[in-house]
């Protein structure tokens, strides 16, 4: 069947935050025909779950210089310093442009019951909810700053005449004899498409939804048969990276990153998650054995150890006294114990959250939540671990607590609290991960490079967001630019670069 052929100046692959920013910015610069292709049924991508949003640039030149130096140091100066410099500097101009073209009077205030003042100027990863305002999980969207950005950009697309074609999967790049990308082949629900273009921005995200690719790239993280919660779109499968490889473009898999953390209680109660992440509970694997110092931080390597435990699962064990201590102090002083003041409206109901999850378990609901028993033996049976092994582990741990010395994992004495007073509670945990970062190598102008170690660009091909490389390397976490983050700045810059490229090509 012959494809439906369409012509445009710019095609953008991916309708997440970076792609929509790029499309609107390019259109605002005078690019006549812009088309956005989105594989999912709904636009937004991983930005829908994010708190990132353009923010007012309050940094001085000296502060930006300090941020640049620290970022390059963290990246071991292995990345293009001009790219990092441009991304850091783009925050202010992006906010100014965003506030000029959008009405920001409806920027979300804090969720009812939350404390603090939320504004576009200080909004970051903990941005207030602008939809789903009663969400009881402040750690993740949808409904925070990222979804605000998406809805604003979709509104601009509609007003500016930028079609956003959802459920349309790009499959192949078309290139001419000189190697320039001249179009994209795509599959929609009804037909095949051929989008001829003069330039293309790739902003299609990573491959957090493709378990085969994840296991191939990070076999130590994605162990077959283990559990992990995904904070990534199921349609993030790395299609555009495959498309680029087909036409001979280098993909830098070596320096790609994926954020893996844990243990966590996701996708269940946030208040229970915060309780189990404090230092005093004892963590038990499915063999009924302790497996790590429980005071380790999220990024301290617990997720590596948890991946080696049976099924990648664990239970955090507390007794009645410890439950009350941890929950109460977390509510009274959230900032000290890993949460924020704006979480208090959720944390105050930790007892209700625990009781609710226990009722799910007792009612026979599917899944693992929180479980409760009057004896350790019964609790062991409820969490399906060997009662003898479980009892021995608790007895040994209590002895360590009495002597204030952990002979197994050297947990600090101040965190050693015995588990003795019934009822006893078990909170289930697993690891979680976000999408991948990197892949296409770009220069400081957001142009895709054809090779790993050369400056040869693919004319008219740009990249932004999670699919664009240059900011993560060898374990370094994503760089957050002061203007809202990598996604915001690179999306803006890619749209600007594509606009300039098309302006020159048409003159």
Foldseek 3Di string as FASTA:
>chain_A
DDAAEAEAAEEEEAQALLRLLLQLLLVVLPRQAYEYEAQAPDHHFLLLWFQFAFAADPDDPVRLVVLLVVLCVLVVVPFFSLQVSLLQVLRNVLNVVLVVVFPCPLQDFAQPPFDDTADRHPTARQAHFSPPSVDLASNIDRGHNSVVSSVRSVVSCVVSVHYYHYSKAWAAFDADPVQATQWTWIDHPVGIYIYGHNFYEYAHFAALLALVVVCVLCVLQNPPLADAAESGDNPRHCNVLVNLVVSQFFWCSQQKDWDKWDFALPPAGPLVRLLQQDQQWFKAAQQLAGFERSPAHRPRCVSSSLSVTRNSKIKTKAAPVSVCVSLVVCLVPVVVRPHDSRSNVSSVCVVVRQVVQCVCLVVPHDDAFKHKDFDQQVVCVSSNYDSVSNVVNLVLLLVCLVVLADPPHGHGSVNRDHHDHDTMMIGMTGMYIYGMAEIFEAHSQQFGARDDPDPHGNPNYGYFDRHYDRNGGDPRDADQRSRRGRSSSRSNSSSVSNSVSSVVVVD
